[in-house]
PDB file of N, CA and C in Angstrom:
ATOM      1  N   MET A   1      25.877 -62.612  29.519  1.00  0.00           N
ATOM      2  CA  MET A   1      24.765 -62.320  29.410  1.00  0.00           C
ATOM      3  C   MET A   1      24.579 -61.929  28.351  1.00  0.00           C
ATOM      4  N   THR A   2      23.751 -62.723  27.381  1.00  0.00           N
ATOM      5  CA  THR A   2      22.889 -62.295  25.924  1.00  0.00           C
ATOM      6  C   THR A   2      21.863 -61.204  26.069  1.00  0.00           C
ATOM      7  N   ASN A   3      21.781 -61.112  24.796  1.00  0.00           N
ATOM      8  CA  ASN A   3      21.121 -59.903  24.678  1.00  0.00           C
ATOM      9  C   ASN A   3      19.627 -60.759  24.873  1.00  0.00           C
ATOM     10  N   ASP A   4      19.467 -61.641  24.472  1.00  0.00           N
ATOM     11  CA  ASP A   4      18.191 -62.226  25.334  1.00  0.00           C
ATOM     12  C   ASP A   4      17.961 -62.192  25.969  1.00  0.00           C
ATOM     13  N   ASP A   5      18.836 -62.526  27.320  1.00  0.00           N
ATOM     14  CA  ASP A   5      18.885 -62.994  28.533  1.00  0.00           C
ATOM     15  C   ASP A   5      18.262 -61.702  28.687  1.00  0.00           C
ATOM     16  N   PHE A   6      18.754 -60.621  28.535  1.00  0.00           N
ATOM     17  CA  PHE A   6      18.776 -59.718  29.559  1.00  0.00           C
ATOM     18  C   PHE A   6      16.935 -58.822  29.394  1.00  0.00           C
ATOM     19  N   ASN A   7      16.750 -59.042  27.909  1.00  0.00           N
ATOM     20  CA  ASN A   7      15.489 -58.411  27.740  1.00  0.00           C
ATOM     21  C   ASN A   7      14.429 -59.661  28.567  1.00  0.00           C
ATOM     22  N   ASP A   8      14.838 -60.961  28.389  1.00  0.00           N
ATOM     23  CA  ASP A   8      13.749 -61.655  29.096  1.00  0.00           C
ATOM     24  C   ASP A   8      13.854 -61.094  30.761  1.00  0.00           C
ATOM     25  N   ALA A   9      15.402 -60.922  31.294  1.00  0.00           N
ATOM     26  CA  ALA A   9      15.376 -59.995  32.290  1.00  0.00           C
ATOM     27  C   ALA A   9      14.269 -59.157  32.712  1.00  0.00           C
ATOM     28  N   VAL A  10      14.319 -58.112  31.803  1.00  0.00           N
ATOM     29  CA  VAL A  10      13.566 -56.820  31.461  1.00  0.00           C
ATOM     30  C   VAL A  10      12.038 -57.337  31.697  1.00  0.00           C
ATOM     31  N   ILE A  11      11.675 -57.911  30.973  1.00  0.00           N
ATOM     32  CA  ILE A  11       9.982 -58.817  30.781  1.00  0.00           C
ATOM     33  C   ILE A  11      10.047 -58.878  32.313  1.00  0.00           C
ATOM     34  N   GLU A  12      10.950 -60.392  32.871  1.00  0.00           N
ATOM     35  CA  GLU A  12      10.506 -60.788  33.890  1.00  0.00           C
ATOM     36  C   GLU A  12      10.319 -59.657  35.385  1.00  0.00           C
ATOM     37  N   ALA A  13      11.274 -58.282  34.593  1.00  0.00           N
ATOM     38  CA  ALA A  13      11.421 -57.212  36.002  1.00  0.00           C
ATOM     39  C   ALA A  13       9.847 -56.946  36.130  1.00  0.00           C
ATOM     40  N   ASP A  14       9.435 -56.252  34.442  1.00  0.00           N
ATOM     41  CA  ASP A  14       8.262 -55.205  34.561  1.00  0.00           C
ATOM     42  C   ASP A  14       7.017 -56.097  35.121  1.00  0.00           C
ATOM     43  N   TYR A  15       7.043 -57.713  35.068  1.00  0.00           N
ATOM     44  CA  TYR A  15       5.723 -58.115  35.488  1.00  0.00           C
ATOM     45  C   TYR A  15       5.713 -58.109  36.733  1.00  0.00           C
ATOM     46  N   ALA A  16       6.887 -58.461  37.013  1.00  0.00           N
ATOM     47  CA  ALA A  16       7.020 -58.115  38.902  1.00  0.00           C
ATOM     48  C   ALA A  16       6.603 -56.877  38.966  1.00  0.00           C
ATOM     49  N   GLU A  17       6.955 -56.346  38.720  1.00  0.00           N
ATOM     50  CA  GLU A  17       6.808 -54.658  39.128  1.00  0.00           C
ATOM     51  C   GLU A  17       5.208 -54.327  38.937  1.00  0.00           C
ATOM     52  N   ASP A  18       4.728 -55.159  37.689  1.00  0.00           N
ATOM     53  CA  ASP A  18       2.706 -54.613  37.838  1.00  0.00           C
ATOM     54  C   ASP A  18       2.481 -55.564  39.004  1.00  0.00           C
ATOM     55  N   GLU A  19       2.841 -57.320  39.224  1.00  0.00           N
ATOM     56  CA  GLU A  19       2.512 -58.263  40.392  1.00  0.00           C
ATOM     57  C   GLU A  19       2.482 -56.784  41.189  1.00  0.00           C
ATOM     58  N   ASP A  20       3.266 -55.931  41.877  1.00  0.00           N
ATOM     59  CA  ASP A  20       3.764 -55.340  42.946  1.00  0.00           C
ATOM     60  C   ASP A  20       2.905 -54.572  42.995  1.00  0.00           C
ATOM     61  N   VAL A  21       2.679 -53.439  42.072  1.00  0.00           N
ATOM     62  CA  VAL A  21       1.461 -52.679  41.679  1.00  0.00           C
ATOM     63  C   VAL A  21      -0.096 -52.970  41.992  1.00  0.00           C
ATOM     64  N   ARG A  22      -0.076 -54.481  40.871  1.00  0.00           N
ATOM     65  CA  ARG A  22      -1.766 -54.578  41.219  1.00  0.00           C
ATOM     66  C   ARG A  22      -1.531 -54.870  42.771  1.00  0.00           C
ATOM     67  N   ARG A  23      -0.767 -55.606  43.296  1.00  0.00           N
ATOM     68  CA  ARG A  23      -1.076 -55.692  44.853  1.00  0.00           C
ATOM     69  C   ARG A  23      -1.651 -54.994  45.425  1.00  0.00           C
ATOM     70  N   ALA A  24      -0.219 -53.617  45.831  1.00  0.00           N
ATOM     71  CA  ALA A  24      -0.667 -52.491  46.561  1.00  0.00           C
ATOM     72  C   ALA A  24      -2.186 -52.087  45.954  1.00  0.00           C
ATOM     73  N   ALA A  25      -2.646 -52.152  44.660  1.00  0.00           N
ATOM     74  CA  ALA A  25      -3.884 -51.718  44.313  1.00  0.00           C
ATOM     75  C   ALA A  25      -5.407 -52.063  45.119  1.00  0.00           C
ATOM     76  N   LEU A  26      -5.191 -53.791  44.912  1.00  0.00           N
ATOM     77  CA  LEU A  26      -5.974 -54.657  45.937  1.00  0.00           C
ATOM     78  C   LEU A  26      -5.852 -54.318  47.076  1.00  0.00           C
ATOM     79  N   GLY A  27      -4.831 -54.191  48.214  1.00  0.00           N
ATOM     80  CA  GLY A  27      -5.262 -53.795  48.923  1.00  0.00           C
ATOM     81  C   GLY A  27      -5.345 -52.216  49.714  1.00  0.00           C
ATOM     82  N   PHE A  28      -5.294 -51.007  48.427  1.00  0.00           N
ATOM     83  CA  PHE A  28      -5.824 -49.876  49.283  1.00  0.00           C
ATOM     84  C   PHE A  28      -7.041 -50.503  48.644  1.00  0.00           C
ATOM     85  N   ILE A  29      -7.541 -50.728  48.008  1.00  0.00           N
ATOM     86  CA  ILE A  29      -9.201 -50.981  47.877  1.00  0.00           C
ATOM     87  C   ILE A  29     -10.154 -52.135  49.209  1.00  0.00           C
ATOM     88  N   THR A  30      -8.891 -52.845  49.523  1.00  0.00           N
ATOM     89  CA  THR A  30      -9.437 -53.456  50.382  1.00  0.00           C
ATOM     90  C   THR A  30      -9.507 -53.175  51.416  1.00  0.00           C
ATOM     91  N   ASP A  31      -9.039 -52.534  52.129  1.00  0.00           N
ATOM     92  CA  ASP A  31      -9.370 -50.977  52.922  1.00  0.00           C
ATOM     93  C   ASP A  31     -10.200 -50.174  52.756  1.00  0.00           C
ATOM     94  N   ALA A  32     -10.648 -49.566  51.834  1.00  0.00           N
ATOM     95  CA  ALA A  32     -10.899 -48.825  51.542  1.00  0.00           C
ATOM     96  C   ALA A  32     -12.538 -49.658  51.624  1.00  0.00           C
ATOM     97  N   TRP A  33     -13.202 -51.249  51.118  1.00  0.00           N
ATOM     98  CA  TRP A  33     -14.021 -51.539  51.493  1.00  0.00           C
ATOM     99  C   TRP A  33     -14.638 -52.189  52.736  1.00  0.00           C
ATOM    100  N   ALA A  34     -13.385 -52.665  53.380  1.00  0.00           N
ATOM    101  CA  ALA A  34     -13.437 -52.638  54.418  1.00  0.00           C
ATOM    102  C   ALA A  34     -14.065 -51.128  55.780  1.00  0.00           C
ATOM    103  N   GLU A  35     -13.522 -50.032  55.027  1.00  0.00           N
ATOM    104  CA  GLU A  35     -13.489 -48.854  56.037  1.00  0.00           C
ATOM    105  C   GLU A  35     -15.416 -48.638  55.859  1.00  0.00           C
ATOM    106  N   ALA A  36     -15.770 -48.522  54.474  1.00  0.00           N
ATOM    107  CA  ALA A  36     -17.562 -48.653  54.183  1.00  0.00           C
ATOM    108  C   ALA A  36     -17.713 -49.407  54.801  1.00  0.00           C
ATOM    109  N   ILE A  37     -17.464 -50.464  54.954  1.00  0.00           N
ATOM    110  CA  ILE A  37     -18.529 -51.557  55.990  1.00  0.00           C
ATOM    111  C   ILE A  37     -18.589 -51.167  57.197  1.00  0.00           C
ATOM    112  N   ALA A  38     -17.188 -50.998  58.055  1.00  0.00           N
ATOM    113  CA  ALA A  38     -17.041 -50.394  59.573  1.00  0.00           C
ATOM    114  C   ALA A  38     -17.969 -49.572  59.428  1.00  0.00           C
ATOM    115  N   ASN A  39     -18.141 -48.673  58.532  1.00  0.00           N
ATOM    116  CA  ASN A  39     -18.966 -47.300  58.649  1.00  0.00           C
ATOM    117  C   ASN A  39     -20.926 -47.317  58.509  1.00  0.00           C
ATOM    118  N   GLY A  40     -20.908 -48.711  58.580  1.00  0.00           N
ATOM    119  CA  GLY A  40     -21.966 -48.861  58.337  1.00  0.00           C
ATOM    120  C   GLY A  40     -22.640 -48.744  56.858  1.00  0.00           C
ATOM    121  N   VAL A  41     -22.111 -49.073  55.539  1.00  0.00           N
ATOM    122  CA  VAL A  41     -22.263 -49.172  54.208  1.00  0.00           C
ATOM    123  C   VAL A  41     -22.833 -50.600  54.476  1.00  0.00           C
ATOM    124  N   ASP A  42     -23.777 -50.797  53.433  1.00  0.00           N
ATOM    125  CA  ASP A  42     -24.097 -52.160  52.802  1.00  0.00           C
ATOM    126  C   ASP A  42     -23.121 -52.899  52.252  1.00  0.00           C
ATOM    127  N   ALA A  43     -22.457 -54.027  52.043  1.00  0.00           N
ATOM    128  CA  ALA A  43     -21.635 -54.381  51.398  1.00  0.00           C
ATOM    129  C   ALA A  43     -22.225 -54.931  49.986  1.00  0.00           C
ATOM    130  N   ASP A  44     -23.199 -55.369  50.248  1.00  0.00           N
ATOM    131  CA  ASP A  44     -23.885 -55.517  47.806  1.00  0.00           C
ATOM    132  C   ASP A  44     -23.627 -53.378  47.508  1.00  0.00           C
ATOM    133  N   ALA A  45     -24.401 -52.886  48.990  1.00  0.00           N
ATOM    134  CA  ALA A  45     -24.127 -50.945  47.847  1.00  0.00           C
ATOM    135  C   ALA A  45     -22.023 -51.504  47.667  1.00  0.00           C
ATOM    136  N   VAL A  46     -21.652 -51.538  48.674  1.00  0.00           N
ATOM    137  CA  VAL A  46     -20.122 -51.244  48.255  1.00  0.00           C
ATOM    138  C   VAL A  46     -19.507 -52.487  46.798  1.00  0.00           C
ATOM    139  N   ALA A  47     -20.295 -53.430  46.981  1.00  0.00           N
ATOM    140  CA  ALA A  47     -19.929 -54.159  45.724  1.00  0.00           C
ATOM    141  C   ALA A  47     -19.879 -53.519  44.626  1.00  0.00           C
ATOM    142  N   HIS A  48     -21.496 -52.870  44.216  1.00  0.00           N
ATOM    143  CA  HIS A  48     -22.292 -52.696  43.263  1.00  0.00           C
ATOM    144  C   HIS A  48     -21.254 -51.045  43.121  1.00  0.00           C
ATOM    145  N   ALA A  49     -20.957 -49.852  43.764  1.00  0.00           N
ATOM    146  CA  ALA A  49     -20.436 -48.621  43.778  1.00  0.00           C
ATOM    147  C   ALA A  49     -18.387 -49.371  43.141  1.00  0.00           C
ATOM    148  N   ALA A  50     -18.274 -50.228  43.719  1.00  0.00           N
ATOM    149  CA  ALA A  50     -16.815 -50.559  42.798  1.00  0.00           C
ATOM    150  C   ALA A  50     -16.689 -51.559  41.845  1.00  0.00           C
ATOM    151  N   MET A  51     -17.840 -52.036  41.679  1.00  0.00           N
ATOM    152  CA  MET A  51     -17.842 -52.655  39.692  1.00  0.00           C
ATOM    153  C   MET A  51     -18.250 -51.753  38.742  1.00  0.00           C
ATOM    154  N   PHE A  52     -19.088 -50.114  39.026  1.00  0.00           N
ATOM    155  CA  PHE A  52     -19.363 -49.291  38.830  1.00  0.00           C
ATOM    156  C   PHE A  52     -18.156 -48.953  38.710  1.00  0.00           C
ATOM    157  N   THR A  53     -17.380 -48.029  39.510  1.00  0.00           N
ATOM    158  CA  THR A  53     -16.055 -47.523  39.477  1.00  0.00           C
ATOM    159  C   THR A  53     -14.658 -48.169  38.038  1.00  0.00           C
ATOM    160  N   ALA A  54     -14.904 -49.391  38.565  1.00  0.00           N
ATOM    161  CA  ALA A  54     -14.525 -49.931  37.485  1.00  0.00           C
ATOM    162  C   ALA A  54     -14.255 -50.015  35.783  1.00  0.00           C
ATOM    163  N   LEU A  55     -15.414 -50.688  36.298  1.00  0.00           N
ATOM    164  CA  LEU A  55     -16.233 -50.067  34.573  1.00  0.00           C
ATOM    165  C   LEU A  55     -16.138 -49.013  34.135  1.00  0.00           C
ATOM    166  N   ALA A  56     -16.915 -47.859  34.858  1.00  0.00           N
ATOM    167  CA  ALA A  56     -16.677 -46.816  34.368  1.00  0.00           C
ATOM    168  C   ALA A  56     -15.111 -45.792  33.779  1.00  0.00           C
ATOM    169  N   ASP A  57     -14.234 -45.940  34.565  1.00  0.00           N
ATOM    170  CA  ASP A  57     -12.718 -46.201  34.734  1.00  0.00           C
ATOM    171  C   ASP A  57     -11.952 -46.764  33.517  1.00  0.00           C
ATOM    172  N   LEU A  58     -12.484 -47.940  33.156  1.00  0.00           N
ATOM    173  CA  LEU A  58     -11.960 -48.912  31.741  1.00  0.00           C
ATOM    174  C   LEU A  58     -12.696 -48.383  30.576  1.00  0.00           C
ATOM    175  N   VAL A  59     -14.135 -47.895  30.849  1.00  0.00           N
ATOM    176  CA  VAL A  59     -14.703 -47.725  29.305  1.00  0.00           C
ATOM    177  C   VAL A  59     -13.961 -46.616  29.260  1.00  0.00           C
ATOM    178  N   ALA A  60     -13.519 -45.406  30.513  1.00  0.00           N
ATOM    179  CA  ALA A  60     -12.866 -43.943  29.863  1.00  0.00           C
ATOM    180  C   ALA A  60     -11.967 -44.471  29.684  1.00  0.00           C
ATOM    181  N   THR A  61     -11.116 -45.033  29.661  1.00  0.00           N
ATOM    182  CA  THR A  61      -9.774 -45.170  28.855  1.00  0.00           C
ATOM    183  C   THR A  61      -9.504 -46.269  27.765  1.00  0.00           C
ATOM    184  N   TYR A  62     -10.368 -47.561  27.896  1.00  0.00           N
ATOM    185  CA  TYR A  62     -10.153 -48.099  26.530  1.00  0.00           C
ATOM    186  C   TYR A  62     -11.623 -48.275  25.673  1.00  0.00           C
ATOM    187  N   GLY A  63     -12.455 -47.361  26.119  1.00  0.00           N
ATOM    188  CA  GLY A  63     -14.156 -47.451  25.471  1.00  0.00           C
ATOM    189  C   GLY A  63     -14.860 -48.871  25.333  1.00  0.00           C
ATOM    190  N   GLU A  64     -15.936 -48.119  25.167  1.00  0.00           N
ATOM    191  CA  GLU A  64     -17.230 -49.239  25.275  1.00  0.00           C
ATOM    192  C   GLU A  64     -16.699 -50.970  25.076  1.00  0.00           C
ATOM    193  N   ASP A  65     -16.444 -50.954  23.961  1.00  0.00           N
ATOM    194  CA  ASP A  65     -16.444 -52.296  23.120  1.00  0.00           C
ATOM    195  C   ASP A  65     -15.438 -53.211  23.575  1.00  0.00           C
ATOM    196  N   ALA A  66     -14.242 -52.220  24.533  1.00  0.00           N
ATOM    197  CA  ALA A  66     -12.867 -53.177  24.499  1.00  0.00           C
ATOM    198  C   ALA A  66     -13.642 -53.354  25.905  1.00  0.00           C
ATOM    199  N   VAL A  67     -14.045 -53.070  26.692  1.00  0.00           N
ATOM    200  CA  VAL A  67     -15.131 -53.034  28.086  1.00  0.00           C
ATOM    201  C   VAL A  67     -16.008 -54.775  27.397  1.00  0.00           C
ATOM    202  N   ALA A  68     -17.199 -54.468  26.794  1.00  0.00           N
ATOM    203  CA  ALA A  68     -17.677 -54.978  27.012  1.00  0.00           C
ATOM    204  C   ALA A  68     -17.237 -56.792  26.169  1.00  0.00           C
ATOM    205  N   LYS A  69     -16.036 -56.121  25.014  1.00  0.00           N
ATOM    206  CA  LYS A  69     -15.325 -57.673  25.134  1.00  0.00           C
ATOM    207  C   LYS A  69     -15.216 -58.573  26.103  1.00  0.00           C
ATOM    208  N   LEU A  70     -14.479 -57.809  27.438  1.00  0.00           N
ATOM    209  CA  LEU A  70     -13.668 -58.277  28.787  1.00  0.00           C
ATOM    210  C   LEU A  70     -14.867 -58.925  29.464  1.00  0.00           C
ATOM    211  N   ALA A  71     -15.911 -57.714  29.745  1.00  0.00           N
ATOM    212  CA  ALA A  71     -16.889 -58.493  30.198  1.00  0.00           C
ATOM    213  C   ALA A  71     -17.624 -59.547  29.948  1.00  0.00           C
ATOM    214  N   GLU A  72     -17.748 -59.827  28.622  1.00  0.00           N
ATOM    215  CA  GLU A  72     -18.158 -60.880  27.840  1.00  0.00           C
ATOM    216  C   GLU A  72     -17.857 -62.609  28.666  1.00  0.00           C
ATOM    217  N   ASP A  73     -16.157 -62.629  28.923  1.00  0.00           N
ATOM    218  CA  ASP A  73     -15.516 -63.327  29.600  1.00  0.00           C
ATOM    219  C   ASP A  73     -15.747 -63.978  31.220  1.00  0.00           C
ATOM    220  N   LEU A  74     -16.606 -62.728  31.752  1.00  0.00           N
ATOM    221  CA  LEU A  74     -16.759 -62.838  33.036  1.00  0.00           C
ATOM    222  C   LEU A  74     -17.579 -64.117  33.431  1.00  0.00           C
ATOM    223  N   PRO A  75     -18.323 -64.411  33.010  1.00  0.00           N
ATOM    224  CA  PRO A  75     -18.970 -65.480  33.262  1.00  0.00           C
ATOM    225  C   PRO A  75     -18.300 -66.665  33.419  1.00  0.00           C
ATOM    226  N   ASP A  76     -17.490 -67.025  32.511  1.00  0.00           N
ATOM    227  CA  ASP A  76     -16.694 -68.192  32.503  1.00  0.00           C
ATOM    228  C   ASP A  76     -15.555 -68.411  33.458  1.00  0.00           C
ATOM    229  N   LYS A  77     -15.277 -66.709  33.458  1.00  0.00           N
ATOM    230  CA  LYS A  77     -14.035 -66.924  35.244  1.00  0.00           C
ATOM    231  C   LYS A  77     -14.588 -67.369  36.388  1.00  0.00           C
ATOM    232  N   ILE A  78     -15.381 -66.485  36.539  1.00  0.00           N
ATOM    233  CA  ILE A  78     -16.507 -66.375  37.411  1.00  0.00           C
ATOM    234  C   ILE A  78     -16.926 -67.784  37.979  1.00  0.00           C
ATOM    235  N   GLN A  79     -17.526 -68.275  37.177  1.00  0.00           N
ATOM    236  CA  GLN A  79     -17.731 -70.299  37.424  1.00  0.00           C
ATOM    237  C   GLN A  79     -16.654 -70.977  37.327  1.00  0.00           C
ATOM    238  N   ARG A  80     -15.500 -70.805  36.825  1.00  0.00           N
ATOM    239  CA  ARG A  80     -14.384 -71.813  37.135  1.00  0.00           C
ATOM    240  C   ARG A  80     -14.007 -71.538  38.152  1.00  0.00           C
ATOM    241  N   GLY A  81     -14.096 -69.982  39.337  1.00  0.00           N
ATOM    242  CA  GLY A  81     -13.393 -69.856  40.657  1.00  0.00           C
ATOM    243  C   GLY A  81     -12.352 -68.629  40.308  1.00  0.00           C
ATOM    244  N   ASP A  82     -11.943 -67.940  39.437  1.00  0.00           N
ATOM    245  CA  ASP A  82     -11.409 -66.686  39.211  1.00  0.00           C
ATOM    246  C   ASP A  82     -11.315 -66.227  40.380  1.00  0.00           C
ATOM    247  N   TYR A  83     -12.686 -66.157  40.974  1.00  0.00           N
ATOM    248  CA  TYR A  83     -13.035 -64.239  41.837  1.00  0.00           C
ATOM    249  C   TYR A  83     -13.362 -65.332  43.314  1.00  0.00           C
ATOM    250  N   THR A  84     -13.038 -66.664  43.136  1.00  0.00           N
ATOM    251  CA  THR A  84     -13.480 -67.200  44.664  1.00  0.00           C
ATOM    252  C   THR A  84     -11.578 -67.522  45.477  1.00  0.00           C
ATOM    253  N   VAL A  85     -12.121 -66.656  46.678  1.00  0.00           N
ATOM    254  CA  VAL A  85     -11.177 -66.532  47.607  1.00  0.00           C
ATOM    255  C   VAL A  85     -10.509 -67.304  48.746  1.00  0.00           C
ATOM    256  N   ASP A  86     -11.967 -68.176  49.259  1.00  0.00           N
ATOM    257  CA  ASP A  86     -11.978 -68.684  49.840  1.00  0.00           C
ATOM    258  C   ASP A  86     -12.013 -70.174  49.227  1.00  0.00           C
ATOM    259  N   ARG A  87     -11.587 -70.330  48.123  1.00  0.00           N
ATOM    260  CA  ARG A  87     -11.542 -71.888  47.416  1.00  0.00           C
ATOM    261  C   ARG A  87     -10.717 -72.822  47.369  1.00  0.00           C
ATOM    262  N   VAL A  88     -10.407 -73.990  47.094  1.00  0.00           N
ATOM    263  CA  VAL A  88     -10.054 -75.241  48.187  1.00  0.00           C
ATOM    264  C   VAL A  88      -9.265 -75.875  47.071  1.00  0.00           C
ATOM    265  N   PHE A  89      -8.188 -76.175  46.439  1.00  0.00           N
ATOM    266  CA  PHE A  89      -7.695 -76.651  45.444  1.00  0.00           C
ATOM    267  C   PHE A  89      -7.509 -78.021  45.751  1.00  0.00           C
ATOM    268  N   HIS A  90      -7.690 -79.056  45.399  1.00  0.00           N
ATOM    269  CA  HIS A  90      -8.075 -80.647  45.170  1.00  0.00           C
ATOM    270  C   HIS A  90      -6.750 -81.286  44.357  1.00  0.00           C
TER     271      HIS A  90
END
């Protein structure tokens, strides 16, 4: 194994680990969302609370400017279908 092969393997392992962590986080959020709705909380209220919490945490971590820059890309991502769960691929 060359040094480049080793570095590539480390990068791939880190990426896979990040993917696993994000997948686990999504599972926790999905479960909490479902529990809130099962307890009678309106889905819109849950969505707004989740967005507020996510944005507030990102601002605390990265600052207003970085999060505003991130938010600039949201309309394109939404229209492209990045957040559409039930979309059909052609």
